[in-house]
Amino acid sequence: MLDKLFGGVGLSRGRRDIRLLEPGDSVDFWRVLYANRDEKRLLLFAEMKMPGEAWLEFKITGDTLHQTATFRPHGLAGRLYWYTVYPFHFFIFGSMIRRLTGAEK
């Protein structure tokens, strides 16, 4: 809701095919930059309104799913934003990875 309030794309977008991800597809407020099943790698770019740029990467090596969130702040507002939301990421990304792997009961 906050993203749409500030003119962002929000969460109401869909994909061309629910079984296949390709570069250019949207997933919520993320844009798929790279998706390679053979490499077991997915790279997403955040299109929500924020004072910076954010990427989210998923990579599988062996039987381990790696999740990497990257944020490049723009100026002081970006740094304030990052330090304000940083504590919540432990809950958000922790829950996300558990749900993706089926570890959440």
C-alpha atoms as a PDB file:
ATOM      1  CA  MET A   1       0.000   0.000   0.000  1.00  0.00           C
ATOM      2  CA  LEU A   2       2.789   2.424   0.909  1.00  0.00           C
ATOM      3  CA  ASP A   3       4.542   1.835  -2.394  1.00  0.00           C
ATOM      4  CA  LYS A   4       1.388   2.634  -4.382  1.00  0.00           C
ATOM      5  CA  LEU A   5       0.741   5.659  -2.176  1.00  0.00           C
ATOM      6  CA  PHE A   6       4.110   7.079  -3.270  1.00  0.00           C
ATOM      7  CA  GLY A   7       3.529   6.245  -6.943  1.00  0.00           C
ATOM      8  CA  GLY A   8       5.150   2.812  -7.074  1.00  0.00           C
ATOM      9  CA  VAL A   9       3.997  -0.345  -8.824  1.00  0.00           C
ATOM     10  CA  GLY A  10       2.673  -2.102  -5.702  1.00  0.00           C
ATOM     11  CA  LEU A  11       1.970  -5.826  -5.495  1.00  0.00           C
ATOM     12  CA  SER A  12      -0.907  -6.194  -7.956  1.00  0.00           C
ATOM     13  CA  ARG A  13       1.043  -7.173 -11.077  1.00  0.00           C
ATOM     14  CA  GLY A  14       1.040 -10.644 -12.585  1.00  0.00           C
ATOM     15  CA  ARG A  15       3.257 -12.810 -14.788  1.00  0.00           C
ATOM     16  CA  ARG A  16       2.879 -14.131 -18.325  1.00  0.00           C
ATOM     17  CA  ASP A  17       3.213 -17.754 -17.162  1.00  0.00           C
ATOM     18  CA  ILE A  18       2.945 -18.896 -13.527  1.00  0.00           C
ATOM     19  CA  ARG A  19       5.281 -21.873 -14.169  1.00  0.00           C
ATOM     20  CA  LEU A  20       8.066 -20.017 -15.976  1.00  0.00           C
ATOM     21  CA  LEU A  21      10.146 -16.968 -15.061  1.00  0.00           C
ATOM     22  CA  GLU A  22      11.958 -15.047 -17.757  1.00  0.00           C
ATOM     23  CA  PRO A  23      13.920 -11.785 -17.744  1.00  0.00           C
ATOM     24  CA  GLY A  24      11.473  -8.897 -17.880  1.00  0.00           C
ATOM     25  CA  ASP A  25       8.713 -10.703 -15.958  1.00  0.00           C
ATOM     26  CA  SER A  26       7.329  -9.124 -12.810  1.00  0.00           C
ATOM     27  CA  VAL A  27       6.868 -10.832  -9.472  1.00  0.00           C
ATOM     28  CA  ASP A  28       5.054  -8.531  -7.048  1.00  0.00           C
ATOM     29  CA  PHE A  29       7.190  -5.365  -7.093  1.00  0.00           C
ATOM     30  CA  TRP A  30      10.270  -7.226  -8.369  1.00  0.00           C
ATOM     31  CA  ARG A  31      11.460  -7.343 -11.989  1.00  0.00           C
ATOM     32  CA  VAL A  32      13.248 -10.522 -13.132  1.00  0.00           C
ATOM     33  CA  LEU A  33      16.717  -9.559 -14.404  1.00  0.00           C
ATOM     34  CA  TYR A  34      18.156 -13.049 -14.729  1.00  0.00           C
ATOM     35  CA  ALA A  35      16.596 -16.495 -14.457  1.00  0.00           C
ATOM     36  CA  ASN A  36      18.560 -19.601 -15.334  1.00  0.00           C
ATOM     37  CA  ARG A  37      17.281 -23.025 -14.300  1.00  0.00           C
ATOM     38  CA  ASP A  38      20.525 -24.794 -15.280  1.00  0.00           C
ATOM     39  CA  GLU A  39      22.611 -22.416 -13.145  1.00  0.00           C
ATOM     40  CA  LYS A  40      19.936 -22.513 -10.427  1.00  0.00           C
ATOM     41  CA  ARG A  41      20.040 -18.730 -10.158  1.00  0.00           C
ATOM     42  CA  LEU A  42      17.391 -16.002 -10.031  1.00  0.00           C
ATOM     43  CA  LEU A  43      18.146 -12.279  -9.813  1.00  0.00           C
ATOM     44  CA  LEU A  44      15.376  -9.758  -9.099  1.00  0.00           C
ATOM     45  CA  PHE A  45      15.383  -5.942  -9.101  1.00  0.00           C
ATOM     46  CA  ALA A  46      12.987  -3.976  -6.858  1.00  0.00           C
ATOM     47  CA  GLU A  47      10.725  -1.534  -8.672  1.00  0.00           C
ATOM     48  CA  MET A  48       9.119  -0.130  -5.555  1.00  0.00           C
ATOM     49  CA  LYS A  49       9.596   3.523  -4.659  1.00  0.00           C
ATOM     50  CA  MET A  50      12.518   3.872  -2.266  1.00  0.00           C
ATOM     51  CA  PRO A  51      15.575   6.084  -1.922  1.00  0.00           C
ATOM     52  CA  GLY A  52      17.929   3.604  -3.535  1.00  0.00           C
ATOM     53  CA  GLU A  53      18.152   0.451  -5.609  1.00  0.00           C
ATOM     54  CA  ALA A  54      17.595  -3.091  -4.366  1.00  0.00           C
ATOM     55  CA  TRP A  55      18.300  -6.559  -5.744  1.00  0.00           C
ATOM     56  CA  LEU A  56      17.343  -9.976  -4.427  1.00  0.00           C
ATOM     57  CA  GLU A  57      19.210 -13.066  -5.580  1.00  0.00           C
ATOM     58  CA  PHE A  58      18.418 -16.745  -5.070  1.00  0.00           C
ATOM     59  CA  LYS A  59      21.047 -19.338  -5.875  1.00  0.00           C
ATOM     60  CA  ILE A  60      21.121 -23.080  -5.204  1.00  0.00           C
ATOM     61  CA  THR A  61      24.427 -24.836  -4.605  1.00  0.00           C
ATOM     62  CA  GLY A  62      24.164 -28.495  -3.754  1.00  0.00           C
ATOM     63  CA  ASP A  63      21.242 -28.793  -1.362  1.00  0.00           C
ATOM     64  CA  THR A  64      21.515 -25.212  -0.056  1.00  0.00           C
ATOM     65  CA  LEU A  65      19.384 -22.242  -1.114  1.00  0.00           C
ATOM     66  CA  HIS A  66      21.287 -18.958  -0.802  1.00  0.00           C
ATOM     67  CA  GLN A  67      19.355 -15.708  -0.573  1.00  0.00           C
ATOM     68  CA  THR A  68      21.226 -12.411  -0.967  1.00  0.00           C
ATOM     69  CA  ALA A  69      19.616  -8.988  -0.568  1.00  0.00           C
ATOM     70  CA  THR A  70      21.572  -5.981  -1.816  1.00  0.00           C
ATOM     71  CA  PHE A  71      20.662  -2.325  -1.331  1.00  0.00           C
ATOM     72  CA  ARG A  72      22.472   0.672  -2.831  1.00  0.00           C
ATOM     73  CA  PRO A  73      21.250   3.795  -0.995  1.00  0.00           C
ATOM     74  CA  HIS A  74      20.863   7.146  -2.712  1.00  0.00           C
ATOM     75  CA  GLY A  75      22.102   9.879  -0.399  1.00  0.00           C
ATOM     76  CA  LEU A  76      21.207  10.451   3.223  1.00  0.00           C
ATOM     77  CA  ALA A  77      17.551   9.497   2.701  1.00  0.00           C
ATOM     78  CA  GLY A  78      18.679   6.117   1.373  1.00  0.00           C
ATOM     79  CA  ARG A  79      20.894   5.470   4.356  1.00  0.00           C
ATOM     80  CA  LEU A  80      18.159   6.496   6.805  1.00  0.00           C
ATOM     81  CA  TYR A  81      15.713   4.237   4.961  1.00  0.00           C
ATOM     82  CA  TRP A  82      18.126   1.296   5.114  1.00  0.00           C
ATOM     83  CA  TYR A  83      18.861   1.608   8.825  1.00  0.00           C
ATOM     84  CA  THR A  84      15.141   2.021   9.559  1.00  0.00           C
ATOM     85  CA  VAL A  85      14.038  -1.120   7.685  1.00  0.00           C
ATOM     86  CA  TYR A  86      17.182  -3.212   8.303  1.00  0.00           C
ATOM     87  CA  PRO A  87      15.919  -4.915  11.508  1.00  0.00           C
ATOM     88  CA  PHE A  88      12.723  -6.061   9.766  1.00  0.00           C
ATOM     89  CA  HIS A  89      14.653  -7.864   7.051  1.00  0.00           C
ATOM     90  CA  PHE A  90      15.647 -10.647   9.463  1.00  0.00           C
ATOM     91  CA  PHE A  91      11.955 -11.505   9.848  1.00  0.00           C
ATOM     92  CA  ILE A  92      10.923 -10.853   6.243  1.00  0.00           C
ATOM     93  CA  PHE A  93      13.734 -12.738   4.517  1.00  0.00           C
ATOM     94  CA  GLY A  94      13.908 -15.460   7.157  1.00  0.00           C
ATOM     95  CA  SER A  95      10.213 -16.171   6.716  1.00  0.00           C
ATOM     96  CA  MET A  96      10.535 -15.998   2.928  1.00  0.00           C
ATOM     97  CA  ILE A  97      13.321 -18.574   2.781  1.00  0.00           C
ATOM     98  CA  ARG A  98      11.458 -20.940   5.148  1.00  0.00           C
ATOM     99  CA  ARG A  99       8.320 -20.708   3.005  1.00  0.00           C
ATOM    100  CA  LEU A 100      10.267 -21.260  -0.224  1.00  0.00           C
ATOM    101  CA  THR A 101      12.006 -24.349   1.130  1.00  0.00           C
ATOM    102  CA  GLY A 102       8.916 -25.740   2.844  1.00  0.00           C
ATOM    103  CA  ALA A 103      10.595 -25.515   6.257  1.00  0.00           C
ATOM    104  CA  GLU A 104       7.760 -23.366   7.679  1.00  0.00           C
ATOM    105  CA  LYS A 105       5.018 -25.428   9.302  1.00  0.00           C
END
